[in-house]
N, C-alpha and C. Protein backbone atom coordinates (compact mmCIF):
# COMPACT_ATOMS: atom_id res chain seq x y z
N MET A 1 1.05 -1.15 -0.14
CA MET A 1 0.03 -0.02 -0.03
C MET A 1 0.86 1.26 0.22
N PRO A 2 0.52 2.24 -0.68
CA PRO A 2 1.45 3.38 -1.12
C PRO A 2 1.35 4.21 0.35
N PRO A 3 2.21 5.18 0.53
CA PRO A 3 1.95 6.05 1.61
C PRO A 3 1.09 7.21 1.47
N THR A 4 0.33 7.60 2.35
CA THR A 4 -0.65 8.63 2.27
C THR A 4 -0.10 9.86 2.72
N TYR A 5 -0.29 11.09 2.38
CA TYR A 5 -0.05 12.31 2.79
C TYR A 5 -1.19 13.36 3.21
N SER A 6 -1.39 14.02 4.23
CA SER A 6 -1.99 14.83 4.71
C SER A 6 -1.71 16.29 4.44
N LEU A 7 -2.47 16.96 3.38
CA LEU A 7 -2.09 18.39 3.08
C LEU A 7 -2.48 19.39 4.14
N ASP A 8 -3.66 19.15 5.04
CA ASP A 8 -4.02 20.13 5.88
C ASP A 8 -3.15 20.09 7.48
N GLY A 9 -2.52 19.18 7.52
CA GLY A 9 -1.78 19.13 8.78
C GLY A 9 -0.31 18.16 8.27
N ILE A 10 0.32 18.80 7.67
CA ILE A 10 1.45 18.12 7.03
C ILE A 10 2.28 17.44 7.88
N GLU A 11 2.32 16.10 7.93
CA GLU A 11 3.20 15.36 8.79
C GLU A 11 4.77 14.95 7.85
N GLY A 12 5.74 15.23 8.69
CA GLY A 12 6.96 15.10 8.05
C GLY A 12 7.33 16.20 6.84
N ALA A 13 7.84 15.67 5.72
CA ALA A 13 8.22 16.58 4.71
C ALA A 13 8.14 15.93 3.37
N MET A 14 8.22 16.35 2.37
CA MET A 14 8.13 15.77 1.13
C MET A 14 9.38 16.30 0.27
N LEU A 15 10.14 15.31 -0.37
CA LEU A 15 11.39 15.58 -1.12
C LEU A 15 10.86 15.49 -2.74
N LEU A 16 11.22 16.41 -3.39
CA LEU A 16 10.86 16.70 -4.71
C LEU A 16 12.43 16.42 -5.47
N THR A 17 12.61 15.57 -6.34
CA THR A 17 13.82 15.18 -6.91
C THR A 17 13.72 14.57 -8.25
N PRO A 18 14.37 14.95 -9.22
CA PRO A 18 15.17 16.21 -9.16
C PRO A 18 14.24 17.43 -9.49
N ALA A 19 14.68 18.72 -8.81
CA ALA A 19 13.92 19.77 -8.67
C ALA A 19 14.78 20.84 -8.37
N ALA A 20 14.75 22.09 -8.95
CA ALA A 20 15.32 23.33 -8.81
C ALA A 20 14.36 24.47 -8.22
N SER A 21 13.25 24.18 -8.34
CA SER A 21 12.18 25.26 -7.95
C SER A 21 10.72 24.97 -7.77
N VAL A 22 10.24 25.37 -7.10
CA VAL A 22 8.55 25.03 -6.74
C VAL A 22 7.80 26.27 -6.88
N HIS A 23 6.31 25.65 -6.73
CA HIS A 23 5.29 26.58 -6.86
C HIS A 23 4.29 26.37 -5.60
N THR A 24 3.45 27.32 -5.24
CA THR A 24 2.49 27.17 -4.46
C THR A 24 1.02 27.37 -4.93
N PHE A 25 0.97 27.32 -6.19
CA PHE A 25 -0.26 27.57 -6.65
C PHE A 25 -1.39 26.71 -6.25
N ARG A 26 -2.45 27.12 -6.06
CA ARG A 26 -3.74 26.42 -5.64
C ARG A 26 -3.42 25.84 -4.13
N MET A 27 -2.53 26.08 -3.49
CA MET A 27 -2.24 25.77 -2.04
C MET A 27 -3.16 26.79 -1.27
N ARG A 28 -3.41 26.34 -0.15
CA ARG A 28 -4.08 27.17 0.85
C ARG A 28 -3.51 27.71 2.27
N PHE A 29 -2.16 27.15 2.13
CA PHE A 29 -1.31 27.63 3.34
C PHE A 29 0.05 27.71 2.84
N ALA A 30 0.85 28.42 3.57
CA ALA A 30 2.27 28.74 3.36
C ALA A 30 3.34 27.41 3.73
N ILE A 31 4.36 27.32 2.94
CA ILE A 31 5.34 26.05 3.11
C ILE A 31 6.63 26.70 3.48
N ASP A 32 7.35 25.77 4.10
CA ASP A 32 8.85 25.86 4.16
C ASP A 32 9.43 25.13 3.00
N VAL A 33 10.50 25.93 2.38
CA VAL A 33 11.04 25.30 1.17
C VAL A 33 12.88 25.28 1.49
N ALA A 34 13.38 24.15 1.41
CA ALA A 34 14.62 23.96 1.38
C ALA A 34 15.25 23.50 0.02
N TYR A 35 16.05 24.39 -0.59
CA TYR A 35 16.73 23.71 -1.56
C TYR A 35 18.03 23.31 -1.45
N LEU A 36 18.26 21.89 -2.10
CA LEU A 36 19.52 21.03 -1.64
C LEU A 36 20.31 21.00 -2.87
N ASP A 37 21.54 20.89 -2.74
CA ASP A 37 22.44 20.45 -3.81
C ASP A 37 22.69 19.00 -3.92
N ARG A 38 23.43 18.47 -4.52
CA ARG A 38 23.37 17.16 -5.05
C ARG A 38 24.06 16.20 -3.65
N ARG A 39 24.74 16.91 -2.96
CA ARG A 39 25.11 16.19 -1.95
C ARG A 39 24.06 16.28 -0.48
N LEU A 40 22.82 17.08 -0.84
CA LEU A 40 21.98 17.22 0.14
C LEU A 40 22.13 18.26 1.13
N ARG A 41 23.03 19.20 0.69
CA ARG A 41 23.41 20.16 1.55
C ARG A 41 22.33 21.35 1.28
N VAL A 42 21.91 22.12 2.31
CA VAL A 42 20.98 23.25 2.23
C VAL A 42 21.47 24.47 1.54
N VAL A 43 21.35 24.70 0.26
CA VAL A 43 21.77 26.13 -0.36
C VAL A 43 20.90 27.41 -0.17
N ALA A 44 19.71 27.10 0.12
CA ALA A 44 18.66 28.26 0.39
C ALA A 44 17.44 27.63 1.09
N LEU A 45 17.08 28.62 1.84
CA LEU A 45 15.81 28.28 2.80
C LEU A 45 14.86 29.53 2.37
N THR A 46 13.51 29.29 2.45
CA THR A 46 12.42 30.26 2.28
C THR A 46 11.20 29.63 2.86
N THR A 47 10.26 30.49 3.19
CA THR A 47 8.87 30.12 3.36
C THR A 47 8.09 31.07 2.30
N MET A 48 7.26 29.97 1.72
CA MET A 48 6.51 30.52 0.48
C MET A 48 5.19 30.60 0.66
N PRO A 49 4.37 31.88 0.58
CA PRO A 49 3.03 31.87 0.83
C PRO A 49 2.30 31.27 -0.21
N PRO A 50 0.72 31.00 -0.25
CA PRO A 50 0.18 30.50 -1.18
C PRO A 50 0.31 31.34 -2.70
N GLY A 51 0.09 30.68 -3.86
CA GLY A 51 -0.05 31.40 -4.88
C GLY A 51 1.29 31.89 -5.42
N ARG A 52 2.57 31.45 -5.11
CA ARG A 52 3.74 32.01 -5.46
C ARG A 52 4.58 31.06 -6.36
N LEU A 53 5.51 31.67 -7.20
CA LEU A 53 6.23 30.75 -7.96
C LEU A 53 7.61 31.16 -7.48
N GLY A 54 8.41 30.13 -6.99
CA GLY A 54 9.75 30.15 -6.45
C GLY A 54 10.69 30.44 -7.65
N LEU A 55 11.62 31.13 -7.30
CA LEU A 55 12.94 31.13 -8.38
C LEU A 55 13.87 30.00 -8.53
N PRO A 56 14.25 29.41 -9.48
CA PRO A 56 15.16 28.23 -9.37
C PRO A 56 16.51 28.80 -8.82
N ARG A 57 16.94 27.66 -8.07
CA ARG A 57 18.16 28.11 -7.45
C ARG A 57 19.29 27.09 -8.16
N LEU A 58 20.27 27.97 -8.47
CA LEU A 58 21.29 27.61 -9.58
C LEU A 58 21.99 26.11 -9.10
N ARG A 59 22.45 26.09 -7.90
CA ARG A 59 23.01 24.69 -7.49
C ARG A 59 22.13 23.66 -6.83
N ALA A 60 20.72 24.05 -6.80
CA ALA A 60 19.93 23.10 -6.32
C ALA A 60 19.60 21.88 -7.36
N ARG A 61 19.40 20.79 -6.72
CA ARG A 61 19.00 19.45 -7.28
C ARG A 61 17.89 18.75 -6.62
N HIS A 62 17.55 19.19 -5.62
CA HIS A 62 16.14 18.72 -4.81
C HIS A 62 15.69 19.78 -4.10
N VAL A 63 14.52 19.62 -3.84
CA VAL A 63 13.95 20.73 -3.20
C VAL A 63 12.98 19.74 -1.97
N LEU A 64 13.32 20.24 -0.75
CA LEU A 64 12.39 19.80 0.55
C LEU A 64 11.32 20.82 0.90
N GLU A 65 9.81 20.26 0.86
CA GLU A 65 8.93 21.10 1.42
C GLU A 65 8.26 20.37 2.74
N ALA A 66 7.91 21.35 3.62
CA ALA A 66 7.42 21.20 5.03
C ALA A 66 6.33 22.12 5.26
N GLU A 67 5.55 21.94 6.42
CA GLU A 67 4.84 22.82 6.94
C GLU A 67 5.49 24.19 7.43
N ALA A 68 4.95 25.27 6.96
CA ALA A 68 5.59 26.49 7.57
C ALA A 68 6.15 26.41 8.96
N GLY A 69 7.14 27.03 9.41
CA GLY A 69 7.62 26.81 10.50
C GLY A 69 8.43 25.34 11.17
N ALA A 70 8.20 24.36 10.23
CA ALA A 70 8.84 23.11 10.60
C ALA A 70 10.36 23.33 10.57
N MET A 71 10.83 23.65 9.40
CA MET A 71 12.32 23.69 9.38
C MET A 71 13.01 24.50 10.36
N ALA A 72 12.41 25.72 10.77
CA ALA A 72 13.11 26.60 11.93
C ALA A 72 13.15 25.45 13.09
N ALA A 73 12.11 24.93 13.31
CA ALA A 73 11.89 24.14 14.75
C ALA A 73 12.90 23.08 14.74
N TRP A 74 13.22 22.45 13.27
CA TRP A 74 14.11 21.35 13.20
C TRP A 74 15.60 21.87 13.26
N GLY A 75 15.68 23.17 13.20
CA GLY A 75 17.12 23.93 13.29
C GLY A 75 17.78 23.76 12.15
N LEU A 76 17.01 23.53 10.90
CA LEU A 76 17.60 23.62 9.59
C LEU A 76 18.19 24.75 9.08
N ARG A 77 19.27 25.08 8.51
CA ARG A 77 19.70 26.52 8.12
C ARG A 77 20.74 26.15 7.05
N VAL A 78 20.85 27.02 6.08
CA VAL A 78 21.78 27.08 5.08
C VAL A 78 23.13 26.57 5.37
N GLY A 79 23.59 25.54 4.72
CA GLY A 79 24.88 24.71 5.27
C GLY A 79 24.62 23.44 5.80
N SER A 80 23.55 23.18 6.40
CA SER A 80 23.07 22.01 6.88
C SER A 80 23.18 20.88 5.94
N VAL A 81 23.32 19.70 6.25
CA VAL A 81 23.37 18.47 5.41
C VAL A 81 22.53 17.66 5.91
N LEU A 82 21.50 17.10 4.91
CA LEU A 82 20.60 16.27 5.13
C LEU A 82 20.84 14.75 5.23
N ARG A 83 20.40 13.77 6.06
CA ARG A 83 20.44 12.44 6.33
C ARG A 83 18.93 12.23 5.87
N LEU A 84 18.52 11.08 5.02
CA LEU A 84 17.40 10.70 4.64
C LEU A 84 17.27 9.31 5.21
N ARG A 85 16.13 9.01 5.73
CA ARG A 85 15.44 7.80 6.13
C ARG A 85 14.21 7.65 5.33
N LEU A 86 14.27 6.49 4.71
CA LEU A 86 12.86 5.89 4.23
C LEU A 86 12.03 5.35 4.88
N ASP A 87 10.76 5.75 5.21
CA ASP A 87 9.66 5.08 5.91
C ASP A 87 9.04 4.20 4.90
N ARG A 88 9.17 2.76 5.25
CA ARG A 88 8.54 1.72 4.28
C ARG A 88 7.33 0.94 4.92
N ARG A 89 6.22 1.62 5.12
CA ARG A 89 5.04 1.22 5.73
C ARG A 89 4.43 0.48 4.84
């Protein structure tokens, strides 16, 4: 059974790959966006309100999306390197 995602109370985060930009068209809430290079190092962070088109980041190869405020709560900042763990439910 494939994993399910809740959009109104986002749990965790969503990794988009390959990706260098995102948009929030048709979304009802703001999201945190982390742009990651090929080594999963954060090259840029932003909070995007609904209805916006994010500019592509030159070195970005992946984009991590999460509920607004989540990345600050996690202590994520430019220069952080991510380790990913797959949840195989």
